[in-house]
Each structure stands twice: as structure tokens, then as C-alpha cells.
mmCIF file of all heavy atoms, coordinates in Angstrom:
data_MODEL
# 
_entry.id   MODEL 
# 
loop_
_atom_site.group_PDB 
_atom_site.id 
_atom_site.type_symbol 
_atom_site.label_atom_id 
_atom_site.label_alt_id 
_atom_site.label_comp_id 
_atom_site.label_asym_id 
_atom_site.label_entity_id 
_atom_site.label_seq_id 
_atom_site.pdbx_PDB_ins_code 
_atom_site.Cartn_x 
_atom_site.Cartn_y 
_atom_site.Cartn_z 
_atom_site.occupancy 
_atom_site.B_iso_or_equiv 
_atom_site.pdbx_formal_charge 
_atom_site.auth_seq_id 
_atom_site.auth_comp_id 
_atom_site.auth_asym_id 
_atom_site.auth_atom_id 
_atom_site.pdbx_PDB_model_num 
ATOM 1   N N   . PRO A 1 1  ? 0.801   -1.223 0.000   1.00 0.00 ? 1  PRO A N   1 
ATOM 2   C CA  . PRO A 1 1  ? 0.000   0.000  0.000   1.00 0.00 ? 1  PRO A CA  1 
ATOM 3   C C   . PRO A 1 1  ? 0.838   1.279  0.000   1.00 0.00 ? 1  PRO A C   1 
ATOM 4   O O   . PRO A 1 1  ? 0.298   2.358  -0.199  1.00 0.00 ? 1  PRO A O   1 
ATOM 5   C CB  . PRO A 1 1  ? -0.840  -0.119 1.262   1.00 0.00 ? 1  PRO A CB  1 
ATOM 6   C CG  . PRO A 1 1  ? -0.275  -1.220 2.054   1.00 0.00 ? 1  PRO A CG  1 
ATOM 7   C CD  . PRO A 1 1  ? 0.582   -2.054 1.170   1.00 0.00 ? 1  PRO A CD  1 
ATOM 8   N N   . ASN A 1 2  ? 2.140   1.166  0.208   1.00 0.00 ? 2  ASN A N   1 
ATOM 9   C CA  . ASN A 1 2  ? 2.997   2.351  0.217   1.00 0.00 ? 2  ASN A CA  1 
ATOM 10  C C   . ASN A 1 2  ? 3.634   2.621  -1.141  1.00 0.00 ? 2  ASN A C   1 
ATOM 11  O O   . ASN A 1 2  ? 4.560   3.422  -1.239  1.00 0.00 ? 2  ASN A O   1 
ATOM 12  C CB  . ASN A 1 2  ? 4.095   2.206  1.274   1.00 0.00 ? 2  ASN A CB  1 
ATOM 13  C CG  . ASN A 1 2  ? 3.506   2.120  2.658   1.00 0.00 ? 2  ASN A CG  1 
ATOM 14  O OD1 . ASN A 1 2  ? 2.522   2.785  2.958   1.00 0.00 ? 2  ASN A OD1 1 
ATOM 15  N ND2 . ASN A 1 2  ? 4.091   1.299  3.500   1.00 0.00 ? 2  ASN A ND2 1 
ATOM 16  N N   . THR A 1 3  ? 3.160   1.975  -2.168  1.00 0.00 ? 3  THR A N   1 
ATOM 17  C CA  . THR A 1 3  ? 3.695   2.178  -3.518  1.00 0.00 ? 3  THR A CA  1 
ATOM 18  C C   . THR A 1 3  ? 2.599   2.727  -4.418  1.00 0.00 ? 3  THR A C   1 
ATOM 19  O O   . THR A 1 3  ? 1.426   2.767  -4.046  1.00 0.00 ? 3  THR A O   1 
ATOM 20  C CB  . THR A 1 3  ? 4.204   0.853  -4.106  1.00 0.00 ? 3  THR A CB  1 
ATOM 21  O OG1 . THR A 1 3  ? 3.105   -0.054 -4.229  1.00 0.00 ? 3  THR A OG1 1 
ATOM 22  C CG2 . THR A 1 3  ? 5.296   0.235  -3.244  1.00 0.00 ? 3  THR A CG2 1 
ATOM 23  N N   . ALA A 1 4  ? 2.983   3.117  -5.617  1.00 0.00 ? 4  ALA A N   1 
ATOM 24  C CA  . ALA A 1 4  ? 2.000   3.636  -6.573  1.00 0.00 ? 4  ALA A CA  1 
ATOM 25  C C   . ALA A 1 4  ? 0.981   2.552  -6.929  1.00 0.00 ? 4  ALA A C   1 
ATOM 26  O O   . ALA A 1 4  ? -0.220  2.830  -7.036  1.00 0.00 ? 4  ALA A O   1 
ATOM 27  C CB  . ALA A 1 4  ? 2.703   4.132  -7.828  1.00 0.00 ? 4  ALA A CB  1 
ATOM 28  N N   . ASP A 1 5  ? 1.439   1.322  -7.087  1.00 0.00 ? 5  ASP A N   1 
ATOM 29  C CA  . ASP A 1 5  ? 0.510   0.225  -7.384  1.00 0.00 ? 5  ASP A CA  1 
ATOM 30  C C   . ASP A 1 5  ? -0.497  0.029  -6.250  1.00 0.00 ? 5  ASP A C   1 
ATOM 31  O O   . ASP A 1 5  ? -1.676  -0.208 -6.480  1.00 0.00 ? 5  ASP A O   1 
ATOM 32  C CB  . ASP A 1 5  ? 1.256   -1.085 -7.628  1.00 0.00 ? 5  ASP A CB  1 
ATOM 33  C CG  . ASP A 1 5  ? 2.002   -1.092 -8.939  1.00 0.00 ? 5  ASP A CG  1 
ATOM 34  O OD1 . ASP A 1 5  ? 1.604   -0.338 -9.847  1.00 0.00 ? 5  ASP A OD1 1 
ATOM 35  O OD2 . ASP A 1 5  ? 2.970   -1.854 -9.059  1.00 0.00 ? 5  ASP A OD2 1 
ATOM 36  N N   . GLY A 1 6  ? -0.011  0.139  -5.037  1.00 0.00 ? 6  GLY A N   1 
ATOM 37  C CA  . GLY A 1 6  ? -0.908  0.004  -3.889  1.00 0.00 ? 6  GLY A CA  1 
ATOM 38  C C   . GLY A 1 6  ? -1.933  1.114  -3.839  1.00 0.00 ? 6  GLY A C   1 
ATOM 39  O O   . GLY A 1 6  ? -3.101  0.884  -3.523  1.00 0.00 ? 6  GLY A O   1 
ATOM 40  N N   . GLU A 1 7  ? -1.513  2.332  -4.148  1.00 0.00 ? 7  GLU A N   1 
ATOM 41  C CA  . GLU A 1 7  ? -2.462  3.451  -4.159  1.00 0.00 ? 7  GLU A CA  1 
ATOM 42  C C   . GLU A 1 7  ? -3.501  3.275  -5.255  1.00 0.00 ? 7  GLU A C   1 
ATOM 43  O O   . GLU A 1 7  ? -4.675  3.576  -5.057  1.00 0.00 ? 7  GLU A O   1 
ATOM 44  C CB  . GLU A 1 7  ? -1.724  4.776  -4.335  1.00 0.00 ? 7  GLU A CB  1 
ATOM 45  C CG  . GLU A 1 7  ? -0.987  5.226  -3.090  1.00 0.00 ? 7  GLU A CG  1 
ATOM 46  C CD  . GLU A 1 7  ? -1.906  5.384  -1.892  1.00 0.00 ? 7  GLU A CD  1 
ATOM 47  O OE1 . GLU A 1 7  ? -3.042  5.884  -2.056  1.00 0.00 ? 7  GLU A OE1 1 
ATOM 48  O OE2 . GLU A 1 7  ? -1.500  5.001  -0.792  1.00 0.00 ? 7  GLU A OE2 1 
ATOM 49  N N   . LEU A 1 8  ? -3.074  2.781  -6.415  1.00 0.00 ? 8  LEU A N   1 
ATOM 50  C CA  . LEU A 1 8  ? -4.033  2.523  -7.488  1.00 0.00 ? 8  LEU A CA  1 
ATOM 51  C C   . LEU A 1 8  ? -5.038  1.455  -7.073  1.00 0.00 ? 8  LEU A C   1 
ATOM 52  O O   . LEU A 1 8  ? -6.226  1.547  -7.389  1.00 0.00 ? 8  LEU A O   1 
ATOM 53  C CB  . LEU A 1 8  ? -3.304  2.122  -8.767  1.00 0.00 ? 8  LEU A CB  1 
ATOM 54  C CG  . LEU A 1 8  ? -2.513  3.244  -9.440  1.00 0.00 ? 8  LEU A CG  1 
ATOM 55  C CD1 . LEU A 1 8  ? -1.716  2.684  -10.609 1.00 0.00 ? 8  LEU A CD1 1 
ATOM 56  C CD2 . LEU A 1 8  ? -3.433  4.359  -9.901  1.00 0.00 ? 8  LEU A CD2 1 
ATOM 57  N N   . GLN A 1 9  ? -4.574  0.444  -6.355  1.00 0.00 ? 9  GLN A N   1 
ATOM 58  C CA  . GLN A 1 9  ? -5.495  -0.572 -5.873  1.00 0.00 ? 9  GLN A CA  1 
ATOM 59  C C   . GLN A 1 9  ? -6.452  -0.005 -4.828  1.00 0.00 ? 9  GLN A C   1 
ATOM 60  O O   . GLN A 1 9  ? -7.618  -0.386 -4.764  1.00 0.00 ? 9  GLN A O   1 
ATOM 61  C CB  . GLN A 1 9  ? -4.734  -1.766 -5.317  1.00 0.00 ? 9  GLN A CB  1 
ATOM 62  C CG  . GLN A 1 9  ? -4.121  -2.614 -6.397  1.00 0.00 ? 9  GLN A CG  1 
ATOM 63  C CD  . GLN A 1 9  ? -3.463  -3.868 -5.850  1.00 0.00 ? 9  GLN A CD  1 
ATOM 64  O OE1 . GLN A 1 9  ? -3.392  -4.086 -4.651  1.00 0.00 ? 9  GLN A OE1 1 
ATOM 65  N NE2 . GLN A 1 9  ? -2.980  -4.694 -6.761  1.00 0.00 ? 9  GLN A NE2 1 
ATOM 66  N N   . ASN A 1 10 ? -5.975  0.922  -3.995  1.00 0.00 ? 10 ASN A N   1 
ATOM 67  C CA  . ASN A 1 10 ? -6.851  1.577  -3.024  1.00 0.00 ? 10 ASN A CA  1 
ATOM 68  C C   . ASN A 1 10 ? -7.948  2.364  -3.735  1.00 0.00 ? 10 ASN A C   1 
ATOM 69  O O   . ASN A 1 10 ? -9.118  2.310  -3.345  1.00 0.00 ? 10 ASN A O   1 
ATOM 70  C CB  . ASN A 1 10 ? -6.055  2.524  -2.125  1.00 0.00 ? 10 ASN A CB  1 
ATOM 71  C CG  . ASN A 1 10 ? -5.190  1.792  -1.140  1.00 0.00 ? 10 ASN A CG  1 
ATOM 72  O OD1 . ASN A 1 10 ? -5.412  0.622  -0.858  1.00 0.00 ? 10 ASN A OD1 1 
ATOM 73  N ND2 . ASN A 1 10 ? -4.198  2.474  -0.620  1.00 0.00 ? 10 ASN A ND2 1 
ATOM 74  N N   . ILE A 1 11 ? -7.579  3.103  -4.777  1.00 0.00 ? 11 ILE A N   1 
ATOM 75  C CA  . ILE A 1 11 ? -8.558  3.885  -5.535  1.00 0.00 ? 11 ILE A CA  1 
ATOM 76  C C   . ILE A 1 11 ? -9.561  2.959  -6.214  1.00 0.00 ? 11 ILE A C   1 
ATOM 77  O O   . ILE A 1 11 ? -10.768 3.222  -6.213  1.00 0.00 ? 11 ILE A O   1 
ATOM 78  C CB  . ILE A 1 11 ? -7.848  4.788  -6.561  1.00 0.00 ? 11 ILE A CB  1 
ATOM 79  C CG1 . ILE A 1 11 ? -7.052  5.870  -5.828  1.00 0.00 ? 11 ILE A CG1 1 
ATOM 80  C CG2 . ILE A 1 11 ? -8.841  5.429  -7.518  1.00 0.00 ? 11 ILE A CG2 1 
ATOM 81  C CD1 . ILE A 1 11 ? -6.100  6.642  -6.726  1.00 0.00 ? 11 ILE A CD1 1 
ATOM 82  N N   . ALA A 1 12 ? -9.071  1.865  -6.774  1.00 0.00 ? 12 ALA A N   1 
ATOM 83  C CA  . ALA A 1 12 ? -9.966  0.906  -7.434  1.00 0.00 ? 12 ALA A CA  1 
ATOM 84  C C   . ALA A 1 12 ? -10.932 0.287  -6.430  1.00 0.00 ? 12 ALA A C   1 
ATOM 85  O O   . ALA A 1 12 ? -12.119 0.107  -6.726  1.00 0.00 ? 12 ALA A O   1 
ATOM 86  C CB  . ALA A 1 12 ? -9.148  -0.177 -8.135  1.00 0.00 ? 12 ALA A CB  1 
ATOM 87  N N   . ALA A 1 13 ? -10.448 -0.024 -5.230  1.00 0.00 ? 13 ALA A N   1 
ATOM 88  C CA  . ALA A 1 13 ? -11.317 -0.610 -4.211  1.00 0.00 ? 13 ALA A CA  1 
ATOM 89  C C   . ALA A 1 13 ? -12.377 0.398  -3.775  1.00 0.00 ? 13 ALA A C   1 
ATOM 90  O O   . ALA A 1 13 ? -13.543 0.044  -3.591  1.00 0.00 ? 13 ALA A O   1 
ATOM 91  C CB  . ALA A 1 13 ? -10.489 -1.063 -3.013  1.00 0.00 ? 13 ALA A CB  1 
ATOM 92  N N   . PHE A 1 14 ? -11.990 1.658  -3.617  1.00 0.00 ? 14 PHE A N   1 
ATOM 93  C CA  . PHE A 1 14 ? -12.949 2.701  -3.249  1.00 0.00 ? 14 PHE A CA  1 
ATOM 94  C C   . PHE A 1 14 ? -14.003 2.846  -4.335  1.00 0.00 ? 14 PHE A C   1 
ATOM 95  O O   . PHE A 1 14 ? -15.203 2.923  -4.049  1.00 0.00 ? 14 PHE A O   1 
ATOM 96  C CB  . PHE A 1 14 ? -12.225 4.032  -3.028  1.00 0.00 ? 14 PHE A CB  1 
ATOM 97  C CG  . PHE A 1 14 ? -13.152 5.172  -2.747  1.00 0.00 ? 14 PHE A CG  1 
ATOM 98  C CD1 . PHE A 1 14 ? -13.693 5.340  -1.487  1.00 0.00 ? 14 PHE A CD1 1 
ATOM 99  C CD2 . PHE A 1 14 ? -13.487 6.071  -3.742  1.00 0.00 ? 14 PHE A CD2 1 
ATOM 100 C CE1 . PHE A 1 14 ? -14.563 6.385  -1.224  1.00 0.00 ? 14 PHE A CE1 1 
ATOM 101 C CE2 . PHE A 1 14 ? -14.347 7.120  -3.489  1.00 0.00 ? 14 PHE A CE2 1 
ATOM 102 C CZ  . PHE A 1 14 ? -14.885 7.284  -2.224  1.00 0.00 ? 14 PHE A CZ  1 
ATOM 103 N N   . SER A 1 15 ? -13.571 2.871  -5.583  1.00 0.00 ? 15 SER A N   1 
ATOM 104 C CA  . SER A 1 15 ? -14.510 3.022  -6.703  1.00 0.00 ? 15 SER A CA  1 
ATOM 105 C C   . SER A 1 15 ? -15.467 1.839  -6.781  1.00 0.00 ? 15 SER A C   1 
ATOM 106 O O   . SER A 1 15 ? -16.661 2.017  -7.028  1.00 0.00 ? 15 SER A O   1 
ATOM 107 C CB  . SER A 1 15 ? -13.754 3.151  -8.020  1.00 0.00 ? 15 SER A CB  1 
ATOM 108 O OG  . SER A 1 15 ? -12.910 4.268  -7.986  1.00 0.00 ? 15 SER A OG  1 
ATOM 109 N N   . ALA A 1 16 ? -14.949 0.640  -6.581  1.00 0.00 ? 16 ALA A N   1 
ATOM 110 C CA  . ALA A 1 16 ? -15.802 -0.540 -6.632  1.00 0.00 ? 16 ALA A CA  1 
ATOM 111 C C   . ALA A 1 16 ? -16.842 -0.502 -5.520  1.00 0.00 ? 16 ALA A C   1 
ATOM 112 O O   . ALA A 1 16 ? -18.009 -0.830 -5.735  1.00 0.00 ? 16 ALA A O   1 
ATOM 113 C CB  . ALA A 1 16 ? -14.955 -1.809 -6.529  1.00 0.00 ? 16 ALA A CB  1 
ATOM 114 N N   . GLY A 1 17 ? -16.437 -0.089 -4.343  1.00 0.00 ? 17 GLY A N   1 
ATOM 115 C CA  . GLY A 1 17 ? -17.388 0.023  -3.237  1.00 0.00 ? 17 GLY A CA  1 
ATOM 116 C C   . GLY A 1 17 ? -18.397 1.120  -3.481  1.00 0.00 ? 17 GLY A C   1 
ATOM 117 O O   . GLY A 1 17 ? -19.577 0.996  -3.130  1.00 0.00 ? 17 GLY A O   1 
ATOM 118 N N   . PHE A 1 18 ? -17.957 2.203  -4.076  1.00 0.00 ? 18 PHE A N   1 
ATOM 119 C CA  . PHE A 1 18 ? -18.838 3.334  -4.343  1.00 0.00 ? 18 PHE A CA  1 
ATOM 120 C C   . PHE A 1 18 ? -19.903 2.967  -5.370  1.00 0.00 ? 18 PHE A C   1 
ATOM 121 O O   . PHE A 1 18 ? -21.060 3.377  -5.246  1.00 0.00 ? 18 PHE A O   1 
ATOM 122 C CB  . PHE A 1 18 ? -17.999 4.514  -4.840  1.00 0.00 ? 18 PHE A CB  1 
ATOM 123 C CG  . PHE A 1 18 ? -18.742 5.813  -4.889  1.00 0.00 ? 18 PHE A CG  1 
ATOM 124 C CD1 . PHE A 1 18 ? -19.120 6.450  -3.730  1.00 0.00 ? 18 PHE A CD1 1 
ATOM 125 C CD2 . PHE A 1 18 ? -19.047 6.395  -6.094  1.00 0.00 ? 18 PHE A CD2 1 
ATOM 126 C CE1 . PHE A 1 18 ? -19.804 7.648  -3.778  1.00 0.00 ? 18 PHE A CE1 1 
ATOM 127 C CE2 . PHE A 1 18 ? -19.727 7.586  -6.162  1.00 0.00 ? 18 PHE A CE2 1 
ATOM 128 C CZ  . PHE A 1 18 ? -20.111 8.222  -4.993  1.00 0.00 ? 18 PHE A CZ  1 
ATOM 129 N N   . THR A 1 19 ? -19.552 2.176  -6.372  1.00 0.00 ? 19 THR A N   1 
ATOM 130 C CA  . THR A 1 19 ? -20.516 1.816  -7.413  1.00 0.00 ? 19 THR A CA  1 
ATOM 131 C C   . THR A 1 19 ? -21.571 0.837  -6.906  1.00 0.00 ? 19 THR A C   1 
ATOM 132 O O   . THR A 1 19 ? -22.640 0.737  -7.494  1.00 0.00 ? 19 THR A O   1 
ATOM 133 C CB  . THR A 1 19 ? -19.823 1.205  -8.643  1.00 0.00 ? 19 THR A CB  1 
ATOM 134 O OG1 . THR A 1 19 ? -19.079 0.060  -8.236  1.00 0.00 ? 19 THR A OG1 1 
ATOM 135 C CG2 . THR A 1 19 ? -18.915 2.207  -9.310  1.00 0.00 ? 19 THR A CG2 1 
ATOM 136 N N   . ARG A 1 20 ? -21.276 0.122  -5.826  1.00 0.00 ? 20 ARG A N   1 
ATOM 137 C CA  . ARG A 1 20 ? -22.260 -0.813 -5.278  1.00 0.00 ? 20 ARG A CA  1 
ATOM 138 C C   . ARG A 1 20 ? -23.311 -0.123 -4.424  1.00 0.00 ? 20 ARG A C   1 
ATOM 139 O O   . ARG A 1 20 ? -24.318 -0.736 -4.075  1.00 0.00 ? 20 ARG A O   1 
ATOM 140 C CB  . ARG A 1 20 ? -21.553 -1.885 -4.448  1.00 0.00 ? 20 ARG A CB  1 
ATOM 141 C CG  . ARG A 1 20 ? -20.791 -2.878 -5.290  1.00 0.00 ? 20 ARG A CG  1 
ATOM 142 C CD  . ARG A 1 20 ? -20.362 -4.076 -4.467  1.00 0.00 ? 20 ARG A CD  1 
ATOM 143 N NE  . ARG A 1 20 ? -19.483 -3.700 -3.369  1.00 0.00 ? 20 ARG A NE  1 
ATOM 144 C CZ  . ARG A 1 20 ? -18.173 -3.854 -3.375  1.00 0.00 ? 20 ARG A CZ  1 
ATOM 145 N NH1 . ARG A 1 20 ? -17.584 -4.375 -4.432  1.00 0.00 ? 20 ARG A NH1 1 
ATOM 146 N NH2 . ARG A 1 20 ? -17.441 -3.516 -2.347  1.00 0.00 ? 20 ARG A NH2 1 
ATOM 147 N N   . LEU A 1 21 ? -23.093 1.135  -4.061  1.00 0.00 ? 21 LEU A N   1 
ATOM 148 C CA  . LEU A 1 21 ? -24.065 1.848  -3.239  1.00 0.00 ? 21 LEU A CA  1 
ATOM 149 C C   . LEU A 1 21 ? -25.290 2.212  -4.056  1.00 0.00 ? 21 LEU A C   1 
ATOM 150 O O   . LEU A 1 21 ? -25.209 2.437  -5.264  1.00 0.00 ? 21 LEU A O   1 
ATOM 151 C CB  . LEU A 1 21 ? -23.445 3.121  -2.670  1.00 0.00 ? 21 LEU A CB  1 
ATOM 152 C CG  . LEU A 1 21 ? -22.340 2.944  -1.639  1.00 0.00 ? 21 LEU A CG  1 
ATOM 153 C CD1 . LEU A 1 21 ? -21.783 4.296  -1.255  1.00 0.00 ? 21 LEU A CD1 1 
ATOM 154 C CD2 . LEU A 1 21 ? -22.849 2.220  -0.416  1.00 0.00 ? 21 LEU A CD2 1 
ATOM 155 N N   . SER A 1 22 ? -26.422 2.299  -3.379  1.00 0.00 ? 22 SER A N   1 
ATOM 156 C CA  . SER A 1 22 ? -27.640 2.733  -4.053  1.00 0.00 ? 22 SER A CA  1 
ATOM 157 C C   . SER A 1 22 ? -28.537 3.432  -3.031  1.00 0.00 ? 22 SER A C   1 
ATOM 158 O O   . SER A 1 22 ? -28.335 3.309  -1.819  1.00 0.00 ? 22 SER A O   1 
ATOM 159 C CB  . SER A 1 22 ? -28.374 1.547  -4.677  1.00 0.00 ? 22 SER A CB  1 
ATOM 160 O OG  . SER A 1 22 ? -28.772 0.638  -3.668  1.00 0.00 ? 22 SER A OG  1 
ATOM 161 N N   . GLY A 1 23 ? -29.482 4.174  -3.542  1.00 0.00 ? 23 GLY A N   1 
ATOM 162 C CA  . GLY A 1 23 ? -30.467 4.835  -2.694  1.00 0.00 ? 23 GLY A CA  1 
ATOM 163 C C   . GLY A 1 23 ? -29.865 5.950  -1.858  1.00 0.00 ? 23 GLY A C   1 
ATOM 164 O O   . GLY A 1 23 ? -28.962 6.675  -2.301  1.00 0.00 ? 23 GLY A O   1 
ATOM 165 N N   . PRO A 1 24 ? -30.343 6.086  -0.612  1.00 0.00 ? 24 PRO A N   1 
ATOM 166 C CA  . PRO A 1 24 ? -29.897 7.192  0.241   1.00 0.00 ? 24 PRO A CA  1 
ATOM 167 C C   . PRO A 1 24 ? -28.404 7.127  0.584   1.00 0.00 ? 24 PRO A C   1 
ATOM 168 O O   . PRO A 1 24 ? -27.754 8.151  0.739   1.00 0.00 ? 24 PRO A O   1 
ATOM 169 C CB  . PRO A 1 24 ? -30.737 7.068  1.504   1.00 0.00 ? 24 PRO A CB  1 
ATOM 170 C CG  . PRO A 1 24 ? -31.716 5.988  1.285   1.00 0.00 ? 24 PRO A CG  1 
ATOM 171 C CD  . PRO A 1 24 ? -31.393 5.309  0.000   1.00 0.00 ? 24 PRO A CD  1 
ATOM 172 N N   . ARG A 1 25 ? -27.858 5.920  0.687   1.00 0.00 ? 25 ARG A N   1 
ATOM 173 C CA  . ARG A 1 25 ? -26.423 5.818  1.009   1.00 0.00 ? 25 ARG A CA  1 
ATOM 174 C C   . ARG A 1 25 ? -25.581 6.386  -0.122  1.00 0.00 ? 25 ARG A C   1 
ATOM 175 O O   . ARG A 1 25 ? -24.573 7.031  0.118   1.00 0.00 ? 25 ARG A O   1 
ATOM 176 C CB  . ARG A 1 25 ? -26.047 4.364  1.255   1.00 0.00 ? 25 ARG A CB  1 
ATOM 177 C CG  . ARG A 1 25 ? -26.563 3.845  2.563   1.00 0.00 ? 25 ARG A CG  1 
ATOM 178 C CD  . ARG A 1 25 ? -26.059 2.457  2.820   1.00 0.00 ? 25 ARG A CD  1 
ATOM 179 N NE  . ARG A 1 25 ? -26.511 1.991  4.121   1.00 0.00 ? 25 ARG A NE  1 
ATOM 180 C CZ  . ARG A 1 25 ? -26.233 0.825  4.618   1.00 0.00 ? 25 ARG A CZ  1 
ATOM 181 N NH1 . ARG A 1 25 ? -25.502 -0.024 3.918   1.00 0.00 ? 25 ARG A NH1 1 
ATOM 182 N NH2 . ARG A 1 25 ? -26.674 0.475  5.794   1.00 0.00 ? 25 ARG A NH2 1 
ATOM 183 N N   . ARG A 1 26 ? -25.973 6.129  -1.354  1.00 0.00 ? 26 ARG A N   1 
ATOM 184 C CA  . ARG A 1 26 ? -25.240 6.670  -2.497  1.00 0.00 ? 26 ARG A CA  1 
ATOM 185 C C   . ARG A 1 26 ? -25.348 8.190  -2.512  1.00 0.00 ? 26 ARG A C   1 
ATOM 186 O O   . ARG A 1 26 ? -24.370 8.892  -2.760  1.00 0.00 ? 26 ARG A O   1 
ATOM 187 C CB  . ARG A 1 26 ? -25.762 6.090  -3.806  1.00 0.00 ? 26 ARG A CB  1 
ATOM 188 C CG  . ARG A 1 26 ? -24.985 6.617  -5.000  1.00 0.00 ? 26 ARG A CG  1 
ATOM 189 C CD  . ARG A 1 26 ? -25.397 5.903  -6.289  1.00 0.00 ? 26 ARG A CD  1 
ATOM 190 N NE  . ARG A 1 26 ? -24.714 6.443  -7.428  1.00 0.00 ? 26 ARG A NE  1 
ATOM 191 C CZ  . ARG A 1 26 ? -23.521 6.081  -7.837  1.00 0.00 ? 26 ARG A CZ  1 
ATOM 192 N NH1 . ARG A 1 26 ? -22.859 5.158  -7.182  1.00 0.00 ? 26 ARG A NH1 1 
ATOM 193 N NH2 . ARG A 1 26 ? -22.977 6.633  -8.900  1.00 0.00 ? 26 ARG A NH2 1 
ATOM 194 N N   . THR A 1 27 ? -26.541 8.713  -2.226  1.00 0.00 ? 27 THR A N   1 
ATOM 195 C CA  . THR A 1 27 ? -26.731 10.164 -2.202  1.00 0.00 ? 27 THR A CA  1 
ATOM 196 C C   . THR A 1 27 ? -25.832 10.809 -1.154  1.00 0.00 ? 27 THR A C   1 
ATOM 197 O O   . THR A 1 27 ? -25.175 11.818 -1.421  1.00 0.00 ? 27 THR A O   1 
ATOM 198 C CB  . THR A 1 27 ? -28.210 10.497 -1.917  1.00 0.00 ? 27 THR A CB  1 
ATOM 199 O OG1 . THR A 1 27 ? -29.027 9.855  -2.895  1.00 0.00 ? 27 THR A OG1 1 
ATOM 200 C CG2 . THR A 1 27 ? -28.445 11.986 -1.943  1.00 0.00 ? 27 THR A CG2 1 
ATOM 201 N N   . VAL A 1 28 ? -25.784 10.226 0.036   1.00 0.00 ? 28 VAL A N   1 
ATOM 202 C CA  . VAL A 1 28 ? -24.926 10.763 1.099   1.00 0.00 ? 28 VAL A CA  1 
ATOM 203 C C   . VAL A 1 28 ? -23.459 10.680 0.695   1.00 0.00 ? 28 VAL A C   1 
ATOM 204 O O   . VAL A 1 28 ? -22.684 11.618 0.920   1.00 0.00 ? 28 VAL A O   1 
ATOM 205 C CB  . VAL A 1 28 ? -25.183 10.020 2.429   1.00 0.00 ? 28 VAL A CB  1 
ATOM 206 C CG1 . VAL A 1 28 ? -24.151 10.389 3.467   1.00 0.00 ? 28 VAL A CG1 1 
ATOM 207 C CG2 . VAL A 1 28 ? -26.579 10.319 2.942   1.00 0.00 ? 28 VAL A CG2 1 
ATOM 208 N N   . ALA A 1 29 ? -23.048 9.575  0.072   1.00 0.00 ? 29 ALA A N   1 
ATOM 209 C CA  . ALA A 1 29 ? -21.654 9.429  -0.354  1.00 0.00 ? 29 ALA A CA  1 
ATOM 210 C C   . ALA A 1 29 ? -21.298 10.456 -1.420  1.00 0.00 ? 29 ALA A C   1 
ATOM 211 O O   . ALA A 1 29 ? -20.219 11.056 -1.377  1.00 0.00 ? 29 ALA A O   1 
ATOM 212 C CB  . ALA A 1 29 ? -21.407 8.017  -0.873  1.00 0.00 ? 29 ALA A CB  1 
ATOM 213 N N   . VAL A 1 30 ? -22.193 10.674 -2.381  1.00 0.00 ? 30 VAL A N   1 
ATOM 214 C CA  . VAL A 1 30 ? -21.939 11.657 -3.435  1.00 0.00 ? 30 VAL A CA  1 
ATOM 215 C C   . VAL A 1 30 ? -21.825 13.058 -2.839  1.00 0.00 ? 30 VAL A C   1 
ATOM 216 O O   . VAL A 1 30 ? -20.907 13.824 -3.173  1.00 0.00 ? 30 VAL A O   1 
ATOM 217 C CB  . VAL A 1 30 ? -23.056 11.605 -4.505  1.00 0.00 ? 30 VAL A CB  1 
ATOM 218 C CG1 . VAL A 1 30 ? -22.979 12.796 -5.435  1.00 0.00 ? 30 VAL A CG1 1 
ATOM 219 C CG2 . VAL A 1 30 ? -22.963 10.314 -5.296  1.00 0.00 ? 30 VAL A CG2 1 
# 
């Protein structure tokens, strides 16, 4: 996680979690 590859994986994990949200939780996250 302390490398560029690790940071890219962190961003990808955040994006994947963000896309699974729906309804009021997605609105609050946005």
C-alpha cells in the first residue's frame, strides 16, 4: 500500500465500493 501500485489498488477498491451503493447511502456518499 505504500507504492503507486498500492495506491491505485486503493482507488480501485474505493470506486468498486462506491458503485455498489444505491439509494440514500449513495446520495450521502456523493
